[in-house]
């Protein structure tokens, strides 16, 4: 949905007022979406919750936790009309920057085994596959494995 808006997209902290837009994207791109409560709990827990926004239009978001010297990227999504334009990588790089600023040694994430595009993006950035979680994600007709990936910072 690239429109010739004049305003440059920005990454900013997610606010409670953003939850309707975030949940709408979540439902658009995932068969088994997070709930409004999941995102609200992330905000309440002071997780690193970010949105991608242009001209008051939210088109991407992500949530990351940091504990001790590890970061865990819990979710990252870009609205369907904005995908394959580099926005996912830009948002991911922002999370990596936050991790480095906080002296995190490694960042972890899970990706569906069938999500080849995301796995390739993560590998290109430097994440490596370190484990598999059997039946981690709900899937149509059952469960799907997760690939656990790590980036050393």
Protein backbone atom coordinates (compact mmCIF):
# COMPACT_ATOMS: atom_id res chain seq x y z
CA UNK A 1 0.00 0.00 0.00
CA UNK A 2 2.78 2.42 -0.82
CA UNK A 3 1.28 5.84 -1.25
CA UNK A 4 3.22 8.95 -2.16
CA UNK A 5 2.97 10.52 1.29
CA UNK A 6 5.47 13.25 1.98
CA UNK A 7 6.18 12.21 5.55
CA UNK A 8 9.08 9.82 6.12
CA UNK A 9 8.14 6.62 7.96
CA UNK A 10 9.30 6.53 11.55
CA UNK A 11 9.83 3.92 14.24
CA UNK A 12 8.43 4.90 17.62
CA UNK A 13 7.27 3.35 20.87
CA UNK A 14 3.90 1.64 20.75
CA UNK A 15 1.15 3.35 22.75
CA UNK A 16 -2.11 1.92 24.10
CA UNK A 17 -3.91 4.05 21.49
CA UNK A 18 -2.09 2.04 18.77
CA UNK A 19 -3.51 -1.33 19.79
CA UNK A 20 -6.49 -1.32 17.39
CA UNK A 21 -4.19 -0.74 14.40
CA UNK A 22 -1.63 -3.29 15.64
CA UNK A 23 -4.27 -5.97 16.23
CA UNK A 24 -5.77 -5.29 12.78
CA UNK A 25 -2.37 -5.97 11.14
CA UNK A 26 -1.87 -9.02 13.36
CA UNK A 27 -5.20 -10.47 12.20
CA UNK A 28 -4.40 -9.64 8.59
CA UNK A 29 -1.07 -11.46 8.47
CA UNK A 30 -1.40 -14.37 10.93
CA UNK A 31 -3.82 -17.31 11.04
CA UNK A 32 -3.28 -17.54 14.80
CA UNK A 33 -2.88 -13.91 15.90
CA UNK A 34 -1.91 -12.44 19.21
CA UNK A 35 -4.82 -10.84 21.04
CA UNK A 36 -5.24 -7.25 22.10
CA UNK A 37 -4.58 -8.55 25.62
CA UNK A 38 -1.22 -10.02 24.55
CA UNK A 39 -0.11 -6.64 23.22
CA UNK A 40 -1.55 -4.78 26.21
CA UNK A 41 0.29 -7.11 28.58
CA UNK A 42 3.52 -6.47 26.65
CA UNK A 43 3.06 -2.72 27.07
CA UNK A 44 2.18 -3.12 30.75
CA UNK A 45 5.29 -5.26 31.27
CA UNK A 46 7.52 -2.54 29.75
CA UNK A 47 8.64 -4.77 26.90
CA UNK A 48 10.21 -2.96 23.96
CA UNK A 49 7.12 -2.42 21.81
CA UNK A 50 7.61 -0.45 18.61
CA UNK A 51 5.51 0.58 15.63
CA UNK A 52 6.35 1.68 12.11
CA UNK A 53 4.24 4.68 11.19
CA UNK A 54 3.84 7.05 8.28
CA UNK A 55 1.46 10.03 8.33
CA UNK A 56 -0.39 8.62 11.37
CA UNK A 57 -0.80 5.24 9.63
CA UNK A 58 0.71 2.25 11.46
CA UNK A 59 1.97 -0.40 9.05
CA UNK A 60 4.28 -2.51 11.19
CA UNK A 61 5.18 -3.40 14.76
CA UNK A 62 7.37 -5.58 16.92
CA UNK A 63 7.79 -6.67 20.54
CA UNK A 64 11.05 -7.63 22.25
CA UNK A 65 12.02 -8.49 25.81
CA UNK A 66 15.43 -8.05 27.39
CA UNK A 67 16.56 -9.96 30.46
CA UNK A 68 20.07 -10.25 31.83
CA UNK A 69 22.23 -10.27 28.70
CA UNK A 70 19.67 -11.76 26.29
CA UNK A 71 17.00 -10.26 24.05
CA UNK A 72 14.03 -12.20 22.72
CA UNK A 73 12.14 -10.91 19.72
CA UNK A 74 8.60 -12.09 20.39
CA UNK A 75 6.87 -10.81 17.29
CA UNK A 76 7.52 -8.60 14.29
CA UNK A 77 5.03 -7.94 11.49
CA UNK A 78 4.50 -5.69 8.53
CA UNK A 79 1.06 -5.07 7.00
CA UNK A 80 0.50 -7.10 3.83
CA UNK A 81 0.55 -4.11 1.49
CA UNK A 82 3.89 -2.92 2.86
CA UNK A 83 5.76 -6.23 2.80
CA UNK A 84 8.79 -6.96 0.61
CA UNK A 85 9.91 -3.32 0.71
CA UNK A 86 12.58 -3.65 3.41
CA UNK A 87 10.45 -2.48 6.34
CA UNK A 88 10.76 -5.74 8.28
CA UNK A 89 14.53 -5.56 8.05
CA UNK A 90 14.55 -1.90 9.06
CA UNK A 91 12.45 -2.64 12.15
CA UNK A 92 14.56 -5.69 13.00
CA UNK A 93 17.75 -3.64 12.73
CA UNK A 94 16.22 -1.13 15.14
CA UNK A 95 15.61 -3.90 17.69
CA UNK A 96 19.19 -5.12 17.21
CA UNK A 97 20.40 -1.57 17.86
CA UNK A 98 18.39 -1.44 21.10
CA UNK A 99 19.96 -4.74 22.17
CA UNK A 100 23.45 -3.44 21.51
CA UNK A 101 22.74 -0.21 23.39
CA UNK A 102 21.74 -2.29 26.40
CA UNK A 103 24.85 -4.49 26.12
CA UNK A 104 22.91 -7.62 25.22
CA UNK A 105 25.16 -10.50 24.16
CA UNK A 106 22.64 -12.39 22.05
CA UNK A 107 19.20 -12.04 20.54
CA UNK A 108 16.87 -14.99 20.07
CA UNK A 109 13.72 -15.48 18.05
CA UNK A 110 11.42 -18.27 16.94
CA UNK A 111 10.19 -18.54 13.37
CA UNK A 112 7.71 -20.99 11.89
CA UNK A 113 9.47 -23.71 9.98
CA UNK A 114 7.27 -22.88 6.96
CA UNK A 115 8.08 -19.13 7.03
CA UNK A 116 10.94 -19.34 4.54
CA UNK A 117 10.97 -15.61 3.73
CA UNK A 118 11.40 -14.60 7.37
CA UNK A 119 14.03 -17.29 8.02
CA UNK A 120 16.03 -16.10 5.00
CA UNK A 121 15.85 -12.49 6.23
CA UNK A 122 17.08 -13.51 9.67
CA UNK A 123 19.92 -15.58 8.19
CA UNK A 124 20.96 -12.73 5.89
CA UNK A 125 21.22 -10.44 8.92
CA UNK A 126 23.39 -12.98 10.75
CA UNK A 127 21.01 -15.11 12.82
CA UNK A 128 21.85 -18.79 12.90
CA UNK A 129 19.56 -21.76 13.46
CA UNK A 130 20.42 -23.27 16.85
CA UNK A 131 17.45 -25.48 17.76
CA UNK A 132 13.97 -26.68 16.87
CA UNK A 133 10.90 -26.56 19.12
CA UNK A 134 8.62 -29.44 18.22
CA UNK A 135 4.94 -28.51 17.76
CA UNK A 136 5.53 -24.97 19.04
CA UNK A 137 3.03 -23.09 16.85
CA UNK A 138 -0.65 -23.82 16.23
CA UNK A 139 -1.27 -24.66 12.58
CA UNK A 140 -4.13 -25.67 10.37
CA UNK A 141 -4.78 -29.32 11.16
CA UNK A 142 -2.29 -29.55 14.03
CA UNK A 143 0.95 -27.96 15.16
CA UNK A 144 4.11 -26.68 13.46
CA UNK A 145 7.73 -26.70 14.57
CA UNK A 146 9.63 -23.53 15.38
CA UNK A 147 13.18 -22.82 14.33
CA UNK A 148 15.04 -21.13 17.16
CA UNK A 149 17.53 -18.60 15.85
CA UNK A 150 20.26 -16.62 17.59
CA UNK A 151 22.26 -13.54 16.69
CA UNK A 152 25.40 -12.84 18.67
CA UNK A 153 25.67 -9.13 19.38
